[in-house]
Amino acid sequence: MFACLIWLVGNRTLHAFDIEVYENKTYVDNIKTVQLFPKNYSLASPITQLNSGEIMVLAFDDLSNERKDYYYSIIQCTFDWKPTDVFTNDYLRGFSEGSITDYDFSSGTLVPYIHYRLEIPNLDMTITKSGNYAIVVYENSPDNIIFTKRMMVYESIAQVEGYITAPRLVTGSDDFQQVQFTVNHKGLAIENAYQEVNAVVIQNDRPDNTVSGVQPLFVKDQDLQFTHNRILDFPSGKEFRRVDIRTDRFKGDGILNAEVLDSFTNYYTFTGIIRSNIAHKQERDFNGKYYVDKQERWRDDYEADYGWVYFSLAMDKPVSNANVYIYGGFNDWQITDANKMSYDVSTGMYTGKILLKQGYYNYQYVVVDEEQQIIDQSLTEGNYYDTENDYTILIYYRPFTERYDRLIGVEFLNSKTNRF
């Protein structure tokens, strides 16, 4: 349970959930496939321009198959996702909380569920300031949080130009990609860029591959230069593995066999191999993302079924003092028991299963140290400089007179098309 305190100051209401840092995280097992994306672009990042009229869609499934009263609040956050102390009516127009009333019961599925959907902005709530925001969904009471989801709202003020290059003078430089960029803030007077500006760089929307609070190395006139900075060296990785469960009528990409039972379907993937010692192969992927799709139906949101996907990874012996996980955007890049694998000595394989909605998924196998909880792909996947990765650059600005971080510039880079 997460406590929620509510202060009433005049006509202003401020929710303070007992969360120090907001994540993309689901807190109950019956909630699946939580998505937040620009309308009609389910593979896009949850980033929208202030006052653009663009609609953000929040969608999720409840596998308890019981109609429930779900509510939501939008919490303003700092650049590093801590809640601000700004009152809700200073960044929201309308109410401070709303109800989720748009839902459909699943149709023609073996696994029953209820699909919920919310559009933002709506008649109840509109965001009026740029910055980071956490959407908090709860059942009946703010004490009962179901999940939290991050979204970003930006102002197109600063112009960001960047590129990807190999790090200089770094041993094993082929294992890394370095992000370099310049920010031009013409028209915006910044008094002290080293204290008022913070940059965040994200690889493939992964929270573990995010560098936050980066300050410029050089300030020249109206340009801020973020170049040759070692903290912006990212592991290159390799192209993501793929599994296609859009149908059970034939074998999709990565599927060895599909078994349709009375109450659910089992999908068995091909046994994976360790890729760190094999040559890089350029293949098209979605950089860890996924999309929901059922080939035989029209309404994927409530006609796509759920099934168990069985994964296996061949390894001569188990890794010591660490665990292996199936990793990807399908569970918001979280490390949980649900995507943890177990080692079978008799077969020499790590195995695991995950309940997924029909669609097309990217994933990787990663090793997580038991003590430090460091997520490492170098053993299972390897790194190669030519790997295609997406990078998002976010520029935050907080002058001394403000209590929140404005998001004044956004740039999207790709390691293949924006290479120096």
Protein backbone atom coordinates (compact mmCIF):
# COMPACT_ATOMS: atom_id res chain seq x y z
CA MET A 1 0.00 0.00 0.00
CA PHE A 2 1.16 3.50 -0.80
CA ALA A 3 -0.01 6.26 1.46
CA CYS A 4 -1.36 9.42 -0.10
CA LEU A 5 -1.61 12.73 1.67
CA ILE A 6 -3.85 15.50 0.38
CA TRP A 7 -3.37 19.15 1.21
CA LEU A 8 -6.15 21.66 0.58
CA VAL A 9 -5.01 25.25 0.22
CA GLY A 10 -7.88 27.49 -0.86
CA ASN A 11 -9.13 25.92 -4.06
CA ARG A 12 -5.85 24.16 -4.76
CA THR A 13 -5.27 20.46 -4.22
CA LEU A 14 -1.87 18.79 -4.17
CA HIS A 15 -1.49 15.03 -4.09
CA ALA A 16 1.72 13.73 -2.55
CA PHE A 17 1.92 9.99 -3.14
CA ASP A 18 4.51 8.19 -1.10
CA ILE A 19 6.84 7.73 -4.08
CA GLU A 20 10.29 9.31 -4.09
CA VAL A 21 11.08 8.68 -7.76
CA TYR A 22 8.38 7.92 -10.33
CA GLU A 23 9.02 5.01 -12.69
CA ASN A 24 7.19 3.14 -15.39
CA LYS A 25 6.02 0.45 -13.01
CA THR A 26 3.04 -1.84 -12.45
CA TYR A 27 2.24 -2.79 -8.87
CA VAL A 28 -0.41 -5.52 -9.27
CA ASP A 29 -0.21 -8.80 -11.19
CA ASN A 30 -3.59 -8.63 -12.94
CA ILE A 31 -2.69 -5.47 -14.88
CA LYS A 32 -0.92 -6.16 -18.19
CA THR A 33 0.22 -4.39 -21.35
CA VAL A 34 0.35 -0.85 -19.97
CA GLN A 35 1.06 1.53 -22.85
CA LEU A 36 1.36 5.30 -23.23
CA PHE A 37 1.92 6.72 -26.71
CA PRO A 38 0.89 9.49 -29.14
CA LYS A 39 -2.44 8.58 -30.75
CA ASN A 40 -2.00 6.29 -33.77
CA TYR A 41 1.76 5.87 -33.11
CA SER A 42 2.06 3.05 -30.57
CA LEU A 43 5.82 2.64 -31.13
CA ALA A 44 6.58 6.32 -30.44
CA SER A 45 7.95 7.61 -27.13
CA PRO A 46 5.48 9.28 -24.71
CA ILE A 47 6.68 12.78 -25.60
CA THR A 48 4.38 15.55 -26.80
CA GLN A 49 4.64 19.26 -27.52
CA LEU A 50 2.87 21.72 -25.22
CA ASN A 51 -0.37 23.12 -26.67
CA SER A 52 0.08 21.12 -29.89
CA GLY A 53 -3.33 19.46 -29.74
CA GLU A 54 -1.68 16.05 -29.93
CA ILE A 55 -3.50 13.30 -28.04
CA MET A 56 -1.66 10.88 -25.77
CA VAL A 57 -3.27 7.46 -25.28
CA LEU A 58 -2.98 5.47 -22.05
CA ALA A 59 -4.11 1.84 -22.42
CA PHE A 60 -3.99 -1.23 -20.21
CA ASP A 61 -5.69 -4.58 -19.60
CA ASP A 62 -7.17 -5.99 -16.40
CA LEU A 63 -7.01 -9.79 -16.47
CA SER A 64 -9.21 -10.12 -13.40
CA ASN A 65 -12.06 -9.53 -15.89
CA GLU A 66 -14.02 -7.61 -13.26
CA ARG A 67 -15.20 -4.07 -13.95
CA LYS A 68 -13.44 -1.76 -11.50
CA ASP A 69 -13.37 1.93 -10.69
CA TYR A 70 -10.00 3.24 -11.85
CA TYR A 71 -8.93 6.83 -11.32
CA TYR A 72 -5.85 8.80 -12.30
CA SER A 73 -3.83 11.82 -11.25
CA ILE A 74 -1.03 13.63 -13.07
CA ILE A 75 2.00 14.54 -10.95
CA GLN A 76 4.57 17.11 -12.05
CA CYS A 77 8.15 15.88 -11.65
CA THR A 78 11.69 17.24 -11.79
CA PHE A 79 14.08 16.30 -14.61
CA ASP A 80 15.10 13.24 -12.54
CA TRP A 81 11.49 12.20 -11.83
CA LYS A 82 11.09 13.36 -8.27
CA PRO A 83 7.77 15.05 -7.44
CA THR A 84 7.82 18.84 -7.35
CA ASP A 85 6.12 20.94 -4.66
CA VAL A 86 4.06 22.85 -7.24
CA PHE A 87 0.30 22.90 -6.73
CA THR A 88 -1.72 20.98 -9.29
CA ASN A 89 -3.70 23.99 -10.50
CA ASP A 90 -0.39 25.63 -11.43
CA TYR A 91 0.29 22.96 -14.07
CA LEU A 92 -3.16 21.48 -14.74
CA ARG A 93 -6.29 23.09 -16.14
CA GLY A 94 -9.39 21.32 -14.87
CA PHE A 95 -9.54 18.75 -12.11
CA SER A 96 -6.68 17.23 -10.12
CA GLU A 97 -8.01 13.69 -10.62
CA GLY A 98 -10.28 11.92 -13.06
CA SER A 99 -11.94 8.57 -13.68
CA ILE A 100 -11.21 6.10 -16.48
CA THR A 101 -14.58 5.29 -18.02
CA ASP A 102 -13.63 4.06 -21.50
CA TYR A 103 -13.39 0.26 -21.47
CA ASP A 104 -14.24 -2.85 -23.50
CA PHE A 105 -14.57 -6.48 -22.55
CA SER A 106 -12.32 -8.79 -24.56
CA SER A 107 -14.00 -10.46 -27.52
CA GLY A 108 -13.29 -13.93 -28.87
CA THR A 109 -10.29 -14.56 -26.61
CA LEU A 110 -9.36 -17.63 -24.60
CA VAL A 111 -8.06 -15.41 -21.79
CA PRO A 112 -10.76 -12.93 -20.70
CA TYR A 113 -9.83 -9.36 -19.77
CA ILE A 114 -11.11 -5.80 -19.76
CA HIS A 115 -9.29 -3.24 -21.87
CA TYR A 116 -9.17 0.33 -20.49
CA ARG A 117 -8.28 3.45 -22.43
CA LEU A 118 -7.74 7.12 -21.55
CA GLU A 119 -6.88 10.09 -23.75
CA ILE A 120 -4.86 13.06 -22.49
CA PRO A 121 -5.68 15.94 -22.67
CA ASN A 122 -9.40 15.54 -22.13
CA LEU A 123 -12.36 17.53 -20.83
CA ASP A 124 -11.30 16.88 -17.24
CA MET A 125 -7.58 17.60 -17.40
CA THR A 126 -5.05 19.50 -19.54
CA ILE A 127 -1.36 20.05 -18.82
CA THR A 128 -0.36 23.72 -19.02
CA LYS A 129 3.39 23.61 -18.35
CA SER A 130 6.25 21.78 -20.02
CA GLY A 131 8.30 19.22 -18.13
CA ASN A 132 8.09 15.68 -16.78
CA TYR A 133 4.81 14.16 -15.62
CA ALA A 134 3.86 10.90 -13.96
CA ILE A 135 0.41 9.46 -14.55
CA VAL A 136 -0.69 7.60 -11.44
CA VAL A 137 -3.58 5.14 -11.83
CA TYR A 138 -5.29 3.79 -8.75
CA GLU A 139 -8.34 1.75 -7.82
CA ASN A 140 -11.06 3.48 -5.75
CA SER A 141 -8.59 5.29 -3.48
CA PRO A 142 -5.17 6.95 -3.97
CA ASP A 143 -3.94 4.50 -1.32
CA ASN A 144 -4.28 1.68 -3.87
CA ILE A 145 -1.88 2.52 -6.72
CA ILE A 146 -2.14 0.19 -9.72
CA PHE A 147 0.65 1.57 -11.92
CA THR A 148 2.63 4.70 -12.74
CA LYS A 149 3.66 5.86 -16.20
CA ARG A 150 6.01 8.62 -17.34
CA MET A 151 5.29 11.22 -20.02
CA MET A 152 7.14 14.34 -21.17
CA VAL A 153 5.77 17.65 -22.46
CA TYR A 154 8.16 20.01 -24.24
CA GLU A 155 8.36 23.56 -25.54
CA SER A 156 10.14 24.02 -28.85
CA ILE A 157 12.51 26.77 -27.69
CA ALA A 158 16.05 25.36 -27.81
CA GLN A 159 17.44 23.83 -31.00
CA VAL A 160 19.39 20.62 -30.45
CA GLU A 161 21.80 19.25 -33.03
CA GLY A 162 23.68 16.05 -32.36
CA TYR A 163 25.38 12.99 -33.76
CA ILE A 164 26.78 9.60 -32.75
CA THR A 165 30.46 8.77 -32.89
CA ALA A 166 32.97 6.29 -31.49
CA PRO A 167 34.57 7.37 -28.21
CA ARG A 168 38.10 8.69 -28.44
CA LEU A 169 41.02 7.02 -26.67
CA VAL A 170 38.85 4.34 -25.10
CA THR A 171 39.91 0.72 -24.83
CA GLY A 172 37.32 -1.40 -26.60
CA SER A 173 35.76 1.64 -28.27
CA ASP A 174 33.85 -0.65 -30.65
CA ASP A 175 31.73 -1.60 -27.65
CA PHE A 176 30.40 1.95 -27.20
CA GLN A 177 28.59 4.76 -28.98
CA GLN A 178 29.16 8.33 -27.83
CA VAL A 179 26.44 10.98 -28.06
CA GLN A 180 27.57 14.54 -28.79
CA PHE A 181 25.32 17.54 -29.24
CA THR A 182 25.00 21.31 -29.17
CA VAL A 183 22.07 23.32 -27.81
CA ASN A 184 21.26 26.74 -29.26
CA HIS A 185 18.95 28.79 -27.00
CA LYS A 186 18.61 31.93 -29.11
CA GLY A 187 15.76 34.02 -27.70
CA LEU A 188 16.02 32.52 -24.23
CA ALA A 189 18.32 34.31 -21.80
CA ILE A 190 20.12 31.78 -19.60
CA GLU A 191 22.14 33.43 -16.86
CA ASN A 192 24.08 30.42 -15.57
CA ALA A 193 23.85 27.41 -17.83
CA TYR A 194 25.98 25.25 -15.53
CA GLN A 195 23.39 25.56 -12.76
CA GLU A 196 20.15 26.14 -14.70
CA VAL A 197 20.41 23.58 -17.50
CA ASN A 198 20.36 19.79 -17.25
CA ALA A 199 20.40 17.38 -20.17
CA VAL A 200 19.11 13.81 -20.16
CA VAL A 201 20.10 11.27 -22.82
CA ILE A 202 18.21 7.98 -23.15
CA GLN A 203 19.14 4.97 -25.28
CA ASN A 204 16.18 3.02 -26.69
CA ASP A 205 13.82 4.35 -23.99
CA ARG A 206 15.64 2.20 -21.43
CA PRO A 207 15.77 3.66 -17.90
CA ASP A 208 18.95 1.69 -17.13
CA ASN A 209 20.61 3.19 -20.22
CA THR A 210 19.83 6.78 -19.25
CA VAL A 211 22.33 9.48 -18.35
CA SER A 212 20.65 12.22 -16.33
CA GLY A 213 21.69 15.65 -15.11
CA VAL A 214 24.36 16.25 -17.76
CA GLN A 215 25.75 19.78 -17.76
CA PRO A 216 27.42 21.49 -20.71
CA LEU A 217 31.19 21.29 -20.98
CA PHE A 218 31.44 24.61 -22.84
CA VAL A 219 29.22 27.70 -22.99
CA LYS A 220 29.71 29.98 -25.98
CA ASP A 221 27.37 32.89 -26.73
CA GLN A 222 23.98 31.18 -27.12
CA ASP A 223 25.38 27.70 -27.68
CA LEU A 224 25.80 25.01 -25.05
CA GLN A 225 28.22 22.28 -26.10
CA PHE A 226 27.88 18.72 -24.83
CA THR A 227 30.82 17.18 -26.69
CA HIS A 228 33.52 14.58 -25.95
CA ASN A 229 31.91 13.74 -22.63
CA ARG A 230 32.80 10.27 -21.38
CA ILE A 231 29.59 9.96 -19.37
CA LEU A 232 27.72 9.96 -22.70
CA ASP A 233 29.39 6.70 -23.81
CA PHE A 234 26.66 4.07 -24.19
CA PRO A 235 27.14 0.30 -24.64
CA SER A 236 26.44 -0.45 -28.30
CA GLY A 237 24.64 -3.72 -27.69
CA LYS A 238 23.40 -5.76 -30.63
CA GLU A 239 20.14 -5.88 -32.53
CA PHE A 240 17.27 -7.12 -30.39
CA ARG A 241 15.90 -10.62 -30.62
CA ARG A 242 12.36 -10.89 -31.94
CA VAL A 243 9.26 -12.95 -31.34
CA ASP A 244 6.07 -12.74 -33.42
CA ILE A 245 2.90 -14.07 -31.74
CA ARG A 246 0.39 -12.18 -33.87
CA THR A 247 -1.22 -15.48 -34.88
CA ASP A 248 -1.33 -19.11 -33.78
CA ARG A 249 -2.21 -20.40 -37.25
CA PHE A 250 1.39 -20.47 -38.43
CA LYS A 251 4.85 -19.99 -36.96
CA GLY A 252 5.81 -16.36 -36.59
CA ASP A 253 9.31 -14.93 -36.42
CA GLY A 254 11.22 -16.61 -33.59
CA ILE A 255 8.49 -19.21 -32.89
CA LEU A 256 9.30 -22.92 -33.02
CA ASN A 257 5.79 -24.12 -32.21
CA ALA A 258 2.39 -22.89 -31.01
CA GLU A 259 0.10 -25.06 -28.88
CA VAL A 260 -3.56 -24.00 -28.64
CA LEU A 261 -5.25 -25.38 -25.52
CA ASP A 262 -8.77 -24.94 -24.16
CA SER A 263 -8.08 -21.89 -22.02
CA PHE A 264 -4.83 -20.41 -23.38
CA THR A 265 -2.11 -20.78 -26.03
CA ASN A 266 1.53 -21.73 -25.50
CA TYR A 267 4.18 -20.27 -27.80
CA TYR A 268 7.64 -21.86 -27.81
CA THR A 269 10.57 -19.84 -29.07
CA PHE A 270 13.69 -21.22 -30.70
CA THR A 271 16.46 -21.87 -28.22
CA GLY A 272 18.63 -18.78 -28.02
CA ILE A 273 22.41 -18.80 -28.16
CA ILE A 274 25.04 -16.57 -26.57
CA ARG A 275 25.79 -13.83 -29.12
CA SER A 276 28.78 -12.10 -27.52
CA ASN A 277 31.28 -14.19 -29.48
CA ILE A 278 29.55 -14.26 -32.86
CA ALA A 279 29.68 -11.67 -35.62
CA HIS A 280 27.20 -8.82 -35.60
CA LYS A 281 24.28 -9.22 -38.00
CA GLN A 282 22.39 -6.14 -39.15
CA GLU A 283 18.68 -6.85 -38.79
CA ARG A 284 15.66 -4.61 -38.54
CA ASP A 285 14.23 -4.30 -35.05
CA PHE A 286 12.22 -1.89 -32.89
CA ASN A 287 15.02 -1.30 -30.38
CA GLY A 288 13.32 -3.17 -27.58
CA LYS A 289 9.76 -2.00 -28.17
CA TYR A 290 6.64 -3.95 -29.07
CA TYR A 291 3.21 -3.47 -30.58
CA VAL A 292 -0.07 -5.29 -30.05
CA ASP A 293 -1.58 -6.99 -33.11
CA LYS A 294 -3.81 -9.95 -33.97
CA GLN A 295 -3.70 -10.76 -37.66
CA GLU A 296 -7.17 -12.30 -37.87
CA ARG A 297 -9.04 -9.46 -36.12
CA TRP A 298 -9.67 -5.74 -36.59
CA ARG A 299 -9.67 -4.45 -33.00
CA ASP A 300 -6.31 -5.46 -31.59
CA ASP A 301 -6.87 -3.66 -28.28
CA TYR A 302 -9.62 -6.01 -27.07
CA GLU A 303 -9.57 -8.87 -29.62
CA ALA A 304 -5.91 -9.85 -29.29
CA ASP A 305 -5.50 -12.81 -26.95
CA TYR A 306 -2.97 -13.54 -24.21
CA GLY A 307 -0.65 -16.54 -24.30
CA TRP A 308 2.35 -17.98 -22.49
CA VAL A 309 5.60 -17.48 -24.37
CA TYR A 310 8.35 -19.93 -23.42
CA PHE A 311 11.94 -18.73 -23.77
CA SER A 312 15.18 -20.73 -23.57
CA LEU A 313 18.84 -19.75 -23.69
CA ALA A 314 21.60 -22.36 -24.09
CA MET A 315 24.51 -21.91 -21.67
CA ASP A 316 27.16 -24.44 -20.64
CA LYS A 317 26.88 -23.50 -16.99
CA PRO A 318 24.93 -21.00 -14.90
CA VAL A 319 26.42 -17.59 -14.25
CA SER A 320 27.80 -17.21 -10.73
CA ASN A 321 26.36 -14.70 -8.26
CA ALA A 322 23.96 -13.39 -10.89
CA ASN A 323 20.63 -14.11 -12.57
CA VAL A 324 19.50 -14.06 -16.19
CA TYR A 325 16.38 -12.16 -17.27
CA ILE A 326 14.28 -11.73 -20.41
CA TYR A 327 14.44 -7.99 -20.93
CA GLY A 328 12.51 -5.48 -23.02
CA GLY A 329 9.85 -2.82 -23.24
CA PHE A 330 7.11 -5.41 -22.75
CA ASN A 331 7.39 -4.94 -18.97
CA ASP A 332 8.75 -1.37 -18.92
CA TRP A 333 12.35 -2.62 -18.67
CA GLN A 334 11.78 -3.86 -15.14
CA ILE A 335 13.70 -6.67 -13.42
CA THR A 336 11.07 -8.83 -11.68
CA ASP A 337 10.37 -12.45 -10.83
CA ALA A 338 8.01 -12.59 -13.83
CA ASN A 339 10.86 -12.26 -16.36
CA LYS A 340 13.53 -14.09 -14.37
CA MET A 341 14.90 -17.31 -15.88
CA SER A 342 15.96 -20.52 -14.12
CA TYR A 343 18.81 -22.85 -15.05
CA ASP A 344 18.19 -26.51 -15.91
CA VAL A 345 21.35 -28.54 -15.43
CA SER A 346 19.97 -31.54 -17.36
CA THR A 347 19.41 -29.49 -20.54
CA GLY A 348 22.12 -26.87 -20.09
CA MET A 349 19.63 -24.07 -20.62
CA TYR A 350 18.07 -21.09 -18.91
CA THR A 351 14.30 -21.16 -19.30
CA GLY A 352 11.44 -18.81 -18.51
CA LYS A 353 7.91 -18.00 -19.55
CA ILE A 354 6.01 -14.71 -19.81
CA LEU A 355 2.33 -14.01 -20.36
CA LEU A 356 2.11 -11.67 -23.36
CA LYS A 357 -0.64 -10.16 -25.47
CA GLN A 358 -0.59 -11.08 -29.13
CA GLY A 359 1.78 -8.84 -31.05
CA TYR A 360 5.38 -8.37 -32.16
CA TYR A 361 8.03 -8.14 -29.43
CA ASN A 362 11.69 -7.24 -29.12
CA TYR A 363 13.74 -8.58 -26.22
CA GLN A 364 17.23 -9.39 -24.99
CA TYR A 365 18.77 -11.69 -22.42
CA VAL A 366 20.64 -9.80 -19.70
CA VAL A 367 22.65 -10.77 -16.64
CA VAL A 368 21.93 -9.00 -13.36
CA ASP A 369 24.44 -9.06 -10.53
CA GLU A 370 22.81 -10.26 -7.30
CA GLU A 371 24.51 -7.70 -5.07
CA GLN A 372 24.77 -4.49 -7.11
CA GLN A 373 21.79 -5.21 -9.40
CA ILE A 374 23.77 -4.03 -12.45
CA ILE A 375 22.10 -4.94 -15.74
CA ASP A 376 24.69 -6.29 -18.19
CA GLN A 377 24.19 -7.47 -21.77
CA SER A 378 27.87 -7.96 -22.65
CA LEU A 379 27.92 -11.71 -21.84
CA THR A 380 24.62 -12.77 -23.41
CA GLU A 381 24.34 -10.34 -26.33
CA GLY A 382 27.69 -8.58 -26.76
CA ASN A 383 28.40 -5.10 -28.13
CA TYR A 384 29.20 -3.85 -31.61
CA TYR A 385 29.60 -0.25 -32.74
CA ASP A 386 27.49 -0.66 -35.91
CA THR A 387 24.40 -1.66 -33.94
CA GLU A 388 21.38 0.52 -34.70
CA ASN A 389 20.14 2.34 -31.58
CA ASP A 390 17.78 5.24 -30.91
CA TYR A 391 18.75 8.11 -28.63
CA THR A 392 16.53 10.80 -27.11
CA ILE A 393 18.05 14.08 -25.91
CA LEU A 394 16.01 16.13 -23.44
CA ILE A 395 17.04 19.66 -22.41
CA TYR A 396 15.67 20.95 -19.09
CA TYR A 397 15.86 24.53 -17.87
CA ARG A 398 15.12 25.82 -14.39
CA PRO A 399 15.96 29.47 -13.66
CA PHE A 400 16.49 30.45 -10.05
CA THR A 401 12.98 31.90 -9.84
CA GLU A 402 11.18 28.66 -10.83
CA ARG A 403 10.16 25.58 -8.85
CA TYR A 404 10.04 23.13 -11.75
CA ASP A 405 12.15 22.07 -14.75
CA ARG A 406 10.91 23.30 -18.12
CA LEU A 407 11.57 20.93 -21.00
CA ILE A 408 12.75 23.39 -23.65
CA GLY A 409 14.22 21.10 -26.30
CA VAL A 410 14.01 17.54 -27.60
CA GLU A 411 16.01 15.75 -30.27
CA PHE A 412 15.86 12.19 -31.56
CA LEU A 413 19.04 10.60 -32.93
CA ASN A 414 19.77 7.27 -34.57
CA SER A 415 23.19 5.64 -34.51
CA LYS A 416 22.95 4.78 -38.24
CA THR A 417 21.42 7.91 -39.74
CA ASN A 418 23.02 10.48 -37.40
CA ARG A 419 26.55 9.11 -37.39
CA PHE A 420 29.48 11.48 -37.56
